[in-house]
């Protein structure tokens, strides 16, 4: 049987990281698990196992035996798999640090600065990316999706405690100045020194604690497939921006990842639902 491993590249900057890739591997794991594939997740981060378990268990209705399919191997040097799916795409020099031995390598493109022109000449390597977002016309068109089928339902929010969520971290969403405000819910996805009023992910029942999400700009003005904003729309949260959207991004300028994700949310939300007919299965 074709054995599938899901992973993402570890961060060299952020510590104890809970990020979009943490959940992407679980989205695609659950899809493949539900379809009876032989699948596992490899976590290469240096992180407490329970932190990731808590993050997943708060968001998803998980199989009772899911933990036996999760492998934690920080400082991984070799990965063996029939099919390896890296949901973060590649980091700089990743393949020089980690030896990948697989029949197929499927990359979900993320970092716009990585050059894939040489690696995808290999017939065993498949680069999946949204061609609307990346303009170099390499790889195959694919829109990264979320497995909402396994998402938990929300409790009713106490309207007296409505807050605005701002998500930050120590890298792409680093904010220079943060002031404590009783109307704001600051959440960091990594270790931080922003102040005790900034909570660190995972937050139990996070989506029960706010009614508005304030999307802040990234330090590189690019977010390949914004996840939190998509989940907020799914849970009927208000979405606001701390910048002029039309100036910040468009179909072919600025943060094209944010633009096209918002376009799909507003025009055809089904496009971002991961289903049992997803095109990724054709590559597996």
Protein backbone atom coordinates (compact mmCIF):
# COMPACT_ATOMS: atom_id res chain seq x y z
CA UNK A 1 0.00 0.00 0.00
CA UNK A 2 1.18 3.53 -0.84
CA UNK A 3 2.29 5.10 2.44
CA UNK A 4 1.81 8.87 2.64
CA UNK A 5 3.67 11.19 4.97
CA UNK A 6 2.53 14.77 5.61
CA UNK A 7 4.96 17.33 6.99
CA UNK A 8 6.04 20.96 6.85
CA UNK A 9 9.45 22.60 7.08
CA UNK A 10 10.47 23.68 10.59
CA UNK A 11 11.09 27.33 11.38
CA UNK A 12 14.63 28.51 12.11
CA UNK A 13 13.26 31.67 13.76
CA UNK A 14 10.06 30.96 15.66
CA UNK A 15 9.98 28.82 18.81
CA UNK A 16 7.08 26.62 19.98
CA UNK A 17 5.25 27.53 16.79
CA UNK A 18 1.56 26.96 16.15
CA UNK A 19 0.88 28.16 12.61
CA UNK A 20 -1.24 27.49 9.55
CA UNK A 21 0.95 24.55 8.55
CA UNK A 22 0.25 22.91 11.93
CA UNK A 23 -3.36 22.62 10.82
CA UNK A 24 -2.79 22.03 7.12
CA UNK A 25 -1.12 18.70 7.79
CA UNK A 26 -4.10 17.70 9.95
CA UNK A 27 -6.63 18.81 7.31
CA UNK A 28 -5.06 16.59 4.68
CA UNK A 29 -4.37 13.79 7.15
CA UNK A 30 -8.05 13.64 8.09
CA UNK A 31 -9.14 13.62 4.46
CA UNK A 32 -6.80 10.72 3.67
CA UNK A 33 -7.65 8.92 6.92
CA UNK A 34 -11.36 9.14 6.11
CA UNK A 35 -10.60 7.69 2.67
CA UNK A 36 -8.69 4.77 4.27
CA UNK A 37 -5.25 5.73 2.99
CA UNK A 38 -2.14 4.71 4.89
CA UNK A 39 -1.08 8.14 6.17
CA UNK A 40 0.97 9.70 8.94
CA UNK A 41 2.19 13.13 10.04
CA UNK A 42 5.82 14.04 10.69
CA UNK A 43 6.41 17.06 12.95
CA UNK A 44 9.95 18.41 12.55
CA UNK A 45 9.52 21.33 14.96
CA UNK A 46 11.11 21.50 18.40
CA UNK A 47 7.87 21.70 20.33
CA UNK A 48 6.11 20.01 23.22
CA UNK A 49 3.89 17.27 21.81
CA UNK A 50 0.95 18.20 24.01
CA UNK A 51 0.93 21.76 22.66
CA UNK A 52 0.21 20.47 19.16
CA UNK A 53 -2.25 17.85 20.43
CA UNK A 54 -4.15 20.59 22.30
CA UNK A 55 -4.27 22.77 19.18
CA UNK A 56 -5.66 19.97 17.03
CA UNK A 57 -8.10 18.64 19.63
CA UNK A 58 -9.60 22.07 20.16
CA UNK A 59 -10.33 22.55 16.46
CA UNK A 60 -11.22 19.13 15.05
CA UNK A 61 -13.36 16.10 15.75
CA UNK A 62 -10.47 13.67 15.65
CA UNK A 63 -10.29 9.87 15.40
CA UNK A 64 -9.69 8.30 18.81
CA UNK A 65 -6.49 6.67 17.58
CA UNK A 66 -5.03 9.66 15.73
CA UNK A 67 -1.95 10.04 17.96
CA UNK A 68 -0.47 6.75 16.76
CA UNK A 69 -0.10 8.31 13.30
CA UNK A 70 1.91 11.31 14.55
CA UNK A 71 5.72 11.23 14.63
CA UNK A 72 7.81 13.93 16.31
CA UNK A 73 11.37 14.12 14.97
CA UNK A 74 13.09 17.48 15.44
CA UNK A 75 16.37 17.87 13.57
CA UNK A 76 15.25 15.33 11.00
CA UNK A 77 18.08 14.28 8.67
CA UNK A 78 16.34 11.65 6.52
CA UNK A 79 12.70 11.20 5.49
CA UNK A 80 11.55 7.89 3.99
CA UNK A 81 8.13 7.77 2.36
CA UNK A 82 6.33 6.41 -0.67
CA UNK A 83 4.60 9.76 -1.10
CA UNK A 84 5.80 12.81 0.84
CA UNK A 85 3.60 15.90 0.98
CA UNK A 86 5.20 19.09 2.32
CA UNK A 87 2.38 21.57 2.96
CA UNK A 88 4.76 24.51 3.44
CA UNK A 89 6.71 24.03 0.24
CA UNK A 90 10.47 24.26 0.75
CA UNK A 91 12.52 26.53 2.97
CA UNK A 92 15.86 27.90 1.84
CA UNK A 93 18.41 25.04 1.67
CA UNK A 94 15.95 22.54 3.17
CA UNK A 95 16.90 19.75 0.76
CA UNK A 96 20.56 20.36 1.58
CA UNK A 97 19.85 19.66 5.24
CA UNK A 98 17.30 16.84 4.93
CA UNK A 99 17.65 13.84 2.64
CA UNK A 100 14.28 12.96 1.13
CA UNK A 101 13.84 9.41 -0.19
CA UNK A 102 10.41 9.03 -1.75
CA UNK A 103 8.69 7.81 -4.89
CA UNK A 104 6.73 11.08 -5.08
CA UNK A 105 7.30 14.51 -3.56
CA UNK A 106 4.30 16.84 -3.52
CA UNK A 107 4.96 20.45 -2.57
CA UNK A 108 2.28 22.99 -1.64
CA UNK A 109 3.98 26.24 -2.54
CA UNK A 110 4.20 28.90 0.15
CA UNK A 111 7.37 31.02 0.32
CA UNK A 112 7.41 33.19 -2.85
CA UNK A 113 11.19 33.62 -2.80
CA UNK A 114 12.06 29.93 -3.28
CA UNK A 115 13.15 28.99 -6.81
CA UNK A 116 11.53 25.72 -7.94
CA UNK A 117 12.49 25.85 -11.63
CA UNK A 118 15.15 23.14 -11.33
CA UNK A 119 13.52 20.75 -8.87
CA UNK A 120 10.25 20.33 -10.77
CA UNK A 121 12.11 19.01 -13.81
CA UNK A 122 12.13 15.75 -11.87
CA UNK A 123 9.06 13.70 -12.84
CA UNK A 124 8.72 12.53 -9.24
CA UNK A 125 8.26 16.08 -7.92
CA UNK A 126 4.97 17.97 -8.17
CA UNK A 127 4.68 21.66 -7.31
CA UNK A 128 1.08 22.65 -6.54
CA UNK A 129 0.32 26.35 -6.45
CA UNK A 130 -2.45 28.81 -7.18
CA UNK A 131 -1.49 30.18 -10.60
CA UNK A 132 -3.43 33.37 -9.87
CA UNK A 133 -1.15 34.06 -6.90
CA UNK A 134 2.20 33.01 -8.36
CA UNK A 135 2.85 34.55 -11.75
CA UNK A 136 5.85 32.50 -12.95
CA UNK A 137 3.64 29.80 -14.47
CA UNK A 138 5.48 26.75 -13.12
CA UNK A 139 4.01 23.66 -11.48
CA UNK A 140 0.31 22.81 -11.48
CA UNK A 141 -2.65 24.96 -10.51
CA UNK A 142 -4.02 24.06 -7.09
CA UNK A 143 -5.92 25.99 -4.42
CA UNK A 144 -5.01 24.98 -0.88
CA UNK A 145 -8.10 24.02 1.11
CA UNK A 146 -9.46 23.34 4.61
CA UNK A 147 -11.25 20.21 5.82
CA UNK A 148 -14.23 21.92 7.44
CA UNK A 149 -16.05 18.61 7.56
CA UNK A 150 -14.12 17.74 10.73
CA UNK A 151 -14.35 21.19 12.39
CA UNK A 152 -16.07 21.46 15.75
CA UNK A 153 -19.17 23.58 16.21
CA UNK A 154 -18.95 26.78 18.23
CA UNK A 155 -20.65 27.64 21.48
CA UNK A 156 -22.74 30.78 21.66
CA UNK A 157 -20.61 33.86 22.35
CA UNK A 158 -21.51 36.03 25.31
CA UNK A 159 -22.17 39.38 23.61
CA UNK A 160 -20.95 41.21 26.70
CA UNK A 161 -17.49 39.80 26.12
CA UNK A 162 -17.09 40.46 22.41
CA UNK A 163 -13.52 41.24 21.45
CA UNK A 164 -11.42 41.88 18.35
CA UNK A 165 -8.76 39.28 17.65
CA UNK A 166 -5.29 40.26 16.45
CA UNK A 167 -2.94 37.40 15.60
CA UNK A 168 0.77 38.08 15.89
CA UNK A 169 4.05 36.17 15.95
CA UNK A 170 7.78 36.82 16.12
CA UNK A 171 8.35 36.76 12.37
CA UNK A 172 5.92 37.59 9.54
CA UNK A 173 3.27 39.04 11.85
CA UNK A 174 5.53 40.89 14.21
CA UNK A 175 4.07 44.18 15.44
CA UNK A 176 6.44 46.83 16.76
CA UNK A 177 4.03 48.36 19.26
CA UNK A 178 1.25 46.58 21.12
CA UNK A 179 -0.82 48.21 23.84
CA UNK A 180 -3.07 46.41 26.27
CA UNK A 181 -6.73 47.00 25.46
CA UNK A 182 -9.68 45.27 27.12
CA UNK A 183 -11.50 45.18 23.79
CA UNK A 184 -8.65 43.40 22.00
CA UNK A 185 -7.66 39.74 22.13
CA UNK A 186 -4.00 39.41 21.21
CA UNK A 187 -2.81 35.90 20.38
CA UNK A 188 0.74 34.93 19.50
CA UNK A 189 1.53 31.81 17.52
CA UNK A 190 5.05 31.57 18.97
CA UNK A 191 7.08 32.24 22.10
CA UNK A 192 7.05 35.98 22.71
CA UNK A 193 7.95 38.86 25.00
CA UNK A 194 5.13 41.16 23.96
CA UNK A 195 3.59 41.23 27.44
CA UNK A 196 1.43 39.09 29.71
CA UNK A 197 -1.77 40.38 28.07
CA UNK A 198 -0.76 38.60 24.85
CA UNK A 199 -1.93 34.97 24.99
CA UNK A 200 0.08 32.20 23.39
CA UNK A 201 -1.50 29.62 21.08
CA UNK A 202 -3.14 27.24 21.37
CA UNK A 203 -6.07 28.97 23.07
CA UNK A 204 -8.88 26.71 24.20
CA UNK A 205 -12.11 27.51 22.34
CA UNK A 206 -10.46 30.48 20.66
CA UNK A 207 -13.33 31.16 18.26
CA UNK A 208 -15.77 31.49 21.17
CA UNK A 209 -13.78 34.42 22.54
CA UNK A 210 -14.13 37.07 19.81
CA UNK A 211 -16.57 38.31 17.18
CA UNK A 212 -14.22 40.35 14.94
CA UNK A 213 -10.88 39.50 13.38
CA UNK A 214 -8.57 42.39 12.54
CA UNK A 215 -6.24 41.22 9.79
CA UNK A 216 -2.86 42.95 10.00
CA UNK A 217 -0.31 43.24 7.23
CA UNK A 218 2.61 40.81 7.05
CA UNK A 219 6.21 41.99 7.12
CA UNK A 220 6.80 40.67 3.58
CA UNK A 221 3.36 41.72 2.23
CA UNK A 222 2.52 38.20 1.17
CA UNK A 223 0.29 35.52 2.67
CA UNK A 224 0.01 32.59 0.25
CA UNK A 225 -3.37 31.22 1.40
CA UNK A 226 -4.59 33.04 4.54
CA UNK A 227 -6.09 30.46 6.86
CA UNK A 228 -7.34 32.31 9.92
CA UNK A 229 -9.34 34.72 7.80
CA UNK A 230 -10.98 31.74 6.07
CA UNK A 231 -11.88 30.07 9.36
CA UNK A 232 -13.33 33.37 10.62
CA UNK A 233 -15.60 33.56 7.58
CA UNK A 234 -16.67 29.95 8.14
CA UNK A 235 -17.59 30.77 11.74
CA UNK A 236 -19.42 33.99 10.74
CA UNK A 237 -16.93 36.39 12.31
CA UNK A 238 -16.59 39.97 11.16
CA UNK A 239 -13.40 40.57 9.16
CA UNK A 240 -11.62 43.92 9.14
CA UNK A 241 -8.24 45.14 7.87
CA UNK A 242 -5.81 47.63 9.40
CA UNK A 243 -4.96 48.93 5.92
CA UNK A 244 -6.62 50.03 2.70
CA UNK A 245 -7.34 46.70 1.01
CA UNK A 246 -7.33 47.99 -2.58
CA UNK A 247 -3.99 49.74 -2.09
CA UNK A 248 -2.43 46.77 -0.29
CA UNK A 249 -3.34 44.06 -2.78
CA UNK A 250 -5.00 43.23 -6.05
CA UNK A 251 -5.21 40.45 -8.67
CA UNK A 252 -1.69 41.14 -9.92
CA UNK A 253 -0.02 43.42 -7.36
CA UNK A 254 0.81 43.47 -3.67
CA UNK A 255 -0.33 40.52 -1.59
CA UNK A 256 -1.90 38.41 -4.33
CA UNK A 257 -2.36 35.53 -1.87
CA UNK A 258 -4.62 37.60 0.34
CA UNK A 259 -6.47 39.08 -2.64
CA UNK A 260 -7.37 35.76 -4.23
CA UNK A 261 -8.26 34.11 -0.93
CA UNK A 262 -10.69 36.93 -0.18
CA UNK A 263 -12.01 36.73 -3.75
CA UNK A 264 -12.80 33.02 -3.32
CA UNK A 265 -14.34 33.61 0.11
CA UNK A 266 -16.63 36.30 -1.25
CA UNK A 267 -17.55 34.73 -4.58
CA UNK A 268 -17.33 30.93 -4.26
CA UNK A 269 -16.54 29.77 -0.71
CA UNK A 270 -16.86 26.13 -1.74
CA UNK A 271 -13.51 26.50 -3.53
CA UNK A 272 -11.69 26.38 -0.21
CA UNK A 273 -13.54 23.31 1.16
CA UNK A 274 -11.39 20.19 1.14
CA UNK A 275 -13.57 17.29 -0.03
CA UNK A 276 -13.26 13.62 -0.95
CA UNK A 277 -13.09 14.64 -4.63
CA UNK A 278 -10.10 16.95 -4.18
CA UNK A 279 -7.60 17.12 -7.06
CA UNK A 280 -4.69 16.33 -4.77
CA UNK A 281 -5.82 12.69 -4.83
CA UNK A 282 -4.88 12.54 -8.50
CA UNK A 283 -1.23 13.08 -7.56
CA UNK A 284 -1.25 10.42 -4.84
